Every structure is written in structure tokens, then in C-alpha cells.
Amino acid sequence: MPSSRRGSRVKSASLKKGPVAFVSHMEIIFKYLLLPFI
């Protein structure tokens, strides 16, 4: 199935990036969460 293969590929790519991608995602989330309070 091509769709499942694509999903696993994206998952492995995100896992490869590791903590850097996670930190960047958290930064964006916090920005959106704190935007109304600023």
C-alpha cells in the first residue's frame, strides 16, 4: 500500500530529526498558546 509506505517514511524522517524538530514544534505551539495573553 503506497499510503502506508508514505506515512512510515514521514514518521522515520521526523524520528531522524529527533529533538530539534520536537523543540521547534513546541516553540510554535507555545507561541500560539501565549499569543492571546501578550
C-alpha atoms as a PDB file:
ATOM      1  CA  MET A   1       0.000   0.000   0.000  1.00  0.00           C
ATOM      2  CA  PRO A   2       1.584   3.291  -1.068  1.00  0.00           C
ATOM      3  CA  SER A   3      -0.217   5.388   1.550  1.00  0.00           C
ATOM      4  CA  SER A   4       1.112   3.321   4.470  1.00  0.00           C
ATOM      5  CA  ARG A   5       4.589   3.369   2.967  1.00  0.00           C
ATOM      6  CA  ARG A   6       4.479   7.174   2.667  1.00  0.00           C
ATOM      7  CA  GLY A   7       3.315   7.501   6.272  1.00  0.00           C
ATOM      8  CA  SER A   8       6.127   5.294   7.586  1.00  0.00           C
ATOM      9  CA  ARG A   9       8.614   7.290   5.533  1.00  0.00           C
ATOM     10  CA  VAL A  10       7.414  10.558   7.052  1.00  0.00           C
ATOM     11  CA  LYS A  11       7.493   9.011  10.524  1.00  0.00           C
ATOM     12  CA  SER A  12      11.070   7.802  10.101  1.00  0.00           C
ATOM     13  CA  ALA A  13      12.111  11.219   8.758  1.00  0.00           C
ATOM     14  CA  SER A  14      10.628  13.017  11.776  1.00  0.00           C
ATOM     15  CA  LEU A  15      12.287  10.495  14.109  1.00  0.00           C
ATOM     16  CA  LYS A  16      15.613  11.098  12.348  1.00  0.00           C
ATOM     17  CA  LYS A  17      15.425  14.840  13.082  1.00  0.00           C
ATOM     18  CA  GLY A  18      14.810  13.965  16.715  1.00  0.00           C
ATOM     19  CA  PRO A  19      14.755  16.612  19.460  1.00  0.00           C
ATOM     20  CA  VAL A  20      15.404  19.562  17.134  1.00  0.00           C
ATOM     21  CA  ALA A  21      12.080  19.111  15.314  1.00  0.00           C
ATOM     22  CA  PHE A  22      10.318  18.478  18.634  1.00  0.00           C
ATOM     23  CA  VAL A  23      11.667  21.701  20.151  1.00  0.00           C
ATOM     24  CA  SER A  24      10.696  23.723  17.076  1.00  0.00           C
ATOM     25  CA  HIS A  25       7.168  22.280  17.194  1.00  0.00           C
ATOM     26  CA  MET A  26       6.864  23.092  20.894  1.00  0.00           C
ATOM     27  CA  GLU A  27       8.056  26.658  20.206  1.00  0.00           C
ATOM     28  CA  ILE A  28       5.303  27.129  17.608  1.00  0.00           C
ATOM     29  CA  ILE A  29       2.680  25.626  19.931  1.00  0.00           C
ATOM     30  CA  PHE A  30       3.709  27.862  22.826  1.00  0.00           C
ATOM     31  CA  LYS A  31       3.678  30.900  20.518  1.00  0.00           C
ATOM     32  CA  TYR A  32       0.069  30.168  19.525  1.00  0.00           C
ATOM     33  CA  LEU A  33      -0.909  29.443  23.130  1.00  0.00           C
ATOM     34  CA  LEU A  34       0.624  32.651  24.512  1.00  0.00           C
ATOM     35  CA  LEU A  35      -0.421  34.911  21.612  1.00  0.00           C
ATOM     36  CA  PRO A  36      -3.784  35.949  23.173  1.00  0.00           C
ATOM     37  CA  PHE A  37      -2.152  36.820  26.529  1.00  0.00           C
ATOM     38  CA  ILE A  38       0.536  39.104  25.094  1.00  0.00           C
END
